[in-house]
N, C-alpha and C. Protein backbone atom coordinates (compact mmCIF):
# COMPACT_ATOMS: atom_id res chain seq x y z
N MET A 1 0.64 -1.39 -0.08
CA MET A 1 -0.10 -0.35 -0.01
C MET A 1 1.01 1.07 0.06
N ARG A 2 0.49 2.25 -1.10
CA ARG A 2 1.18 3.39 -0.95
C ARG A 2 0.80 4.46 -0.39
N ASP A 3 1.50 5.19 0.03
CA ASP A 3 1.21 6.50 1.37
C ASP A 3 0.65 7.97 0.21
N ILE A 4 -0.62 8.51 0.57
CA ILE A 4 -0.81 9.82 0.02
C ILE A 4 -1.07 10.83 0.89
N GLY A 5 -0.20 11.67 0.79
CA GLY A 5 -0.41 13.27 1.78
C GLY A 5 -1.93 13.86 1.62
N VAL A 6 -2.59 13.84 2.80
CA VAL A 6 -3.82 14.72 2.78
C VAL A 6 -3.91 15.75 3.63
N GLY A 7 -4.49 16.78 3.16
CA GLY A 7 -4.29 18.26 3.49
C GLY A 7 -6.05 18.59 3.48
N LEU A 8 -6.56 19.22 4.66
CA LEU A 8 -8.06 19.27 4.86
C LEU A 8 -7.82 20.84 5.30
N ILE A 9 -8.89 21.24 4.67
CA ILE A 9 -9.44 23.00 5.16
C ILE A 9 -10.48 22.69 5.76
N GLY A 10 -10.56 23.48 7.03
CA GLY A 10 -11.55 23.42 7.73
C GLY A 10 -12.35 22.42 8.93
N THR A 11 -12.38 22.64 9.98
CA THR A 11 -12.92 21.87 10.99
C THR A 11 -14.10 21.86 11.39
N GLY A 12 -15.24 22.23 10.57
CA GLY A 12 -16.55 22.12 10.92
C GLY A 12 -17.17 20.87 10.84
N PHE A 13 -18.15 20.38 10.22
CA PHE A 13 -18.68 19.45 10.27
C PHE A 13 -18.36 18.50 9.34
N MET A 14 -18.32 19.04 7.98
CA MET A 14 -17.72 18.25 7.23
C MET A 14 -16.02 17.90 7.01
N GLY A 15 -15.44 19.12 7.67
CA GLY A 15 -14.26 18.43 8.07
C GLY A 15 -13.64 17.49 8.87
N ARG A 16 -14.56 17.55 9.88
CA ARG A 16 -14.49 16.65 10.64
C ARG A 16 -15.17 14.91 10.02
N ALA A 17 -16.10 15.21 9.29
CA ALA A 17 -16.58 13.99 8.47
C ALA A 17 -15.30 13.63 7.65
N HIS A 18 -14.92 14.49 6.73
CA HIS A 18 -13.76 13.81 6.20
C HIS A 18 -12.52 13.11 6.84
N ALA A 19 -12.04 14.13 7.85
CA ALA A 19 -11.02 13.29 8.84
C ALA A 19 -11.23 11.62 9.39
N ILE A 20 -12.66 11.59 9.59
CA ILE A 20 -12.71 10.55 10.08
C ILE A 20 -12.48 9.23 9.14
N ALA A 21 -13.40 9.65 7.97
CA ALA A 21 -13.50 8.89 6.78
C ALA A 21 -12.06 8.64 6.44
N TYR A 22 -11.26 9.57 6.32
CA TYR A 22 -9.68 9.39 6.03
C TYR A 22 -9.27 8.37 6.90
N GLN A 23 -9.30 8.19 8.26
CA GLN A 23 -8.80 7.72 9.21
C GLN A 23 -9.51 5.97 9.01
N ALA A 24 -10.47 5.90 8.63
CA ALA A 24 -11.16 4.75 8.09
C ALA A 24 -10.57 4.18 6.93
N VAL A 25 -10.09 4.63 5.96
CA VAL A 25 -9.94 3.89 4.50
C VAL A 25 -9.24 2.77 4.72
N ALA A 26 -7.88 2.46 5.56
CA ALA A 26 -7.09 1.54 5.50
C ALA A 26 -7.67 0.54 6.10
N GLY A 27 -8.56 0.40 6.95
CA GLY A 27 -9.45 -0.59 7.14
C GLY A 27 -10.79 -1.20 6.43
N ILE A 28 -11.13 -0.11 5.53
CA ILE A 28 -12.09 -0.66 4.68
C ILE A 28 -11.74 -0.81 3.19
N PHE A 29 -10.93 -0.24 2.77
CA PHE A 29 -10.11 -0.43 1.46
C PHE A 29 -8.93 -0.74 1.59
N PRO A 30 -8.18 -2.05 2.38
CA PRO A 30 -6.71 -2.29 2.90
C PRO A 30 -5.93 -2.51 1.75
N ASP A 31 -6.26 -2.73 -0.16
CA ASP A 31 -5.46 -2.53 -0.84
C ASP A 31 -5.32 -1.46 -1.69
N SER A 32 -6.10 -0.12 -0.73
CA SER A 32 -5.90 1.02 -1.64
C SER A 32 -4.84 1.75 -1.01
N LEU A 33 -4.53 3.21 -1.58
CA LEU A 33 -3.66 3.92 -1.10
C LEU A 33 -3.95 4.48 0.60
N ARG A 34 -2.85 4.60 1.60
CA ARG A 34 -2.90 4.79 2.77
C ARG A 34 -2.64 6.42 3.10
N PRO A 35 -3.92 6.93 3.18
CA PRO A 35 -3.96 8.56 3.76
C PRO A 35 -2.86 8.54 5.01
N VAL A 36 -2.03 9.81 4.62
CA VAL A 36 -1.04 10.28 5.91
C VAL A 36 -1.72 11.54 6.11
N LEU A 37 -1.99 11.96 7.20
CA LEU A 37 -2.79 12.91 7.35
C LEU A 37 -1.84 14.26 7.80
N SER A 38 -1.31 14.91 6.76
CA SER A 38 -0.32 15.65 6.97
C SER A 38 -0.78 17.18 7.65
N ALA A 39 -1.65 18.05 7.07
CA ALA A 39 -2.04 19.20 7.63
C ALA A 39 -3.31 19.53 7.47
N LEU A 40 -3.91 20.10 8.50
CA LEU A 40 -5.22 20.94 8.95
C LEU A 40 -5.23 22.49 8.69
N ALA A 41 -6.09 23.05 8.09
CA ALA A 41 -6.04 24.33 8.21
C ALA A 41 -7.57 25.20 8.64
N ASP A 42 -7.50 25.91 9.10
CA ASP A 42 -9.04 26.74 10.18
C ASP A 42 -8.57 28.05 10.36
N VAL A 43 -9.48 28.99 9.69
CA VAL A 43 -8.99 30.52 10.36
C VAL A 43 -9.00 30.41 11.78
N ASP A 44 -9.74 29.57 12.26
CA ASP A 44 -9.28 29.68 13.91
C ASP A 44 -8.57 28.75 14.30
N GLY A 45 -7.31 29.27 14.58
CA GLY A 45 -6.25 28.52 14.97
C GLY A 45 -5.94 27.70 16.01
N PRO A 46 -7.04 27.80 17.63
CA PRO A 46 -7.13 26.51 18.19
C PRO A 46 -7.91 25.78 17.79
N ALA A 47 -8.94 26.35 17.03
CA ALA A 47 -9.60 25.19 16.62
C ALA A 47 -9.04 24.13 15.82
N ALA A 48 -7.97 24.62 14.89
CA ALA A 48 -7.15 23.89 13.97
C ALA A 48 -6.33 22.93 14.91
N GLN A 49 -5.55 23.69 16.18
CA GLN A 49 -4.53 22.90 17.02
C GLN A 49 -5.27 21.87 17.06
N ARG A 50 -6.64 21.96 18.04
CA ARG A 50 -7.57 20.71 18.63
C ARG A 50 -7.74 19.68 17.85
N ALA A 51 -8.30 20.13 16.41
CA ALA A 51 -8.66 19.01 15.93
C ALA A 51 -7.53 18.22 14.81
N ALA A 52 -6.45 18.65 14.76
CA ALA A 52 -5.24 18.25 14.19
C ALA A 52 -4.62 17.11 15.35
N VAL A 53 -4.83 17.46 16.83
CA VAL A 53 -4.53 16.51 17.57
C VAL A 53 -5.39 15.25 17.59
N GLN A 54 -6.82 15.92 17.78
CA GLN A 54 -7.82 14.64 17.94
C GLN A 54 -7.96 13.95 16.87
N PHE A 55 -7.49 14.31 15.34
CA PHE A 55 -7.57 13.29 14.66
C PHE A 55 -6.37 12.97 13.74
N GLY A 56 -5.17 13.42 14.43
CA GLY A 56 -4.00 12.71 14.45
C GLY A 56 -3.13 13.71 13.19
N PHE A 57 -3.57 14.90 12.56
CA PHE A 57 -2.95 15.38 11.55
C PHE A 57 -1.50 15.92 12.46
N ARG A 58 -0.41 15.94 11.25
CA ARG A 58 1.27 16.36 11.52
C ARG A 58 1.21 17.79 12.45
N ARG A 59 0.39 18.54 11.36
CA ARG A 59 0.68 19.87 11.83
C ARG A 59 -0.86 20.87 11.48
N ALA A 60 -1.05 21.94 12.23
CA ALA A 60 -2.34 22.77 12.22
C ALA A 60 -1.53 23.87 11.61
N GLU A 61 -2.47 24.70 10.63
CA GLU A 61 -2.21 26.03 10.16
C GLU A 61 -3.58 26.86 10.38
N THR A 62 -3.35 28.38 10.36
CA THR A 62 -4.51 29.40 9.67
C THR A 62 -4.78 29.59 8.49
N ASP A 63 -3.67 29.42 7.53
CA ASP A 63 -3.61 29.80 6.13
C ASP A 63 -3.80 28.73 5.48
N SER A 64 -4.87 28.57 4.63
CA SER A 64 -5.04 27.31 4.02
C SER A 64 -4.33 27.64 2.72
N HIS A 65 -4.41 28.71 2.00
CA HIS A 65 -3.44 29.07 0.82
C HIS A 65 -1.70 28.42 1.15
N ALA A 66 -1.25 28.66 2.21
CA ALA A 66 -0.08 27.90 2.49
C ALA A 66 -0.42 26.46 2.33
N LEU A 67 -1.27 25.63 3.18
CA LEU A 67 -1.64 24.23 3.02
C LEU A 67 -1.48 24.09 1.48
N ILE A 68 -2.34 24.60 0.65
CA ILE A 68 -2.63 24.03 -1.02
C ILE A 68 -1.20 24.29 -1.31
N ALA A 69 -0.46 25.40 -1.19
CA ALA A 69 0.80 25.82 -1.99
C ALA A 69 1.63 24.53 -1.36
N ASP A 70 2.02 23.89 -0.40
CA ASP A 70 2.31 22.86 0.12
C ASP A 70 2.12 21.43 -0.61
């Protein structure tokens, strides 16, 4: 299984739903790409940091443009 980096923008309902889904991929589709939760961005810095810790993202940012550029 190959790794693929994931960047997520937003920690609201859909952001959280996607984070949970990315965590479940390996168990549901064991022969597919393995998502690596690389970065999470939200305009609310503390919310971004909390969600990054909760879902296992490597880093949190407040600048979504920086996440996209990365």
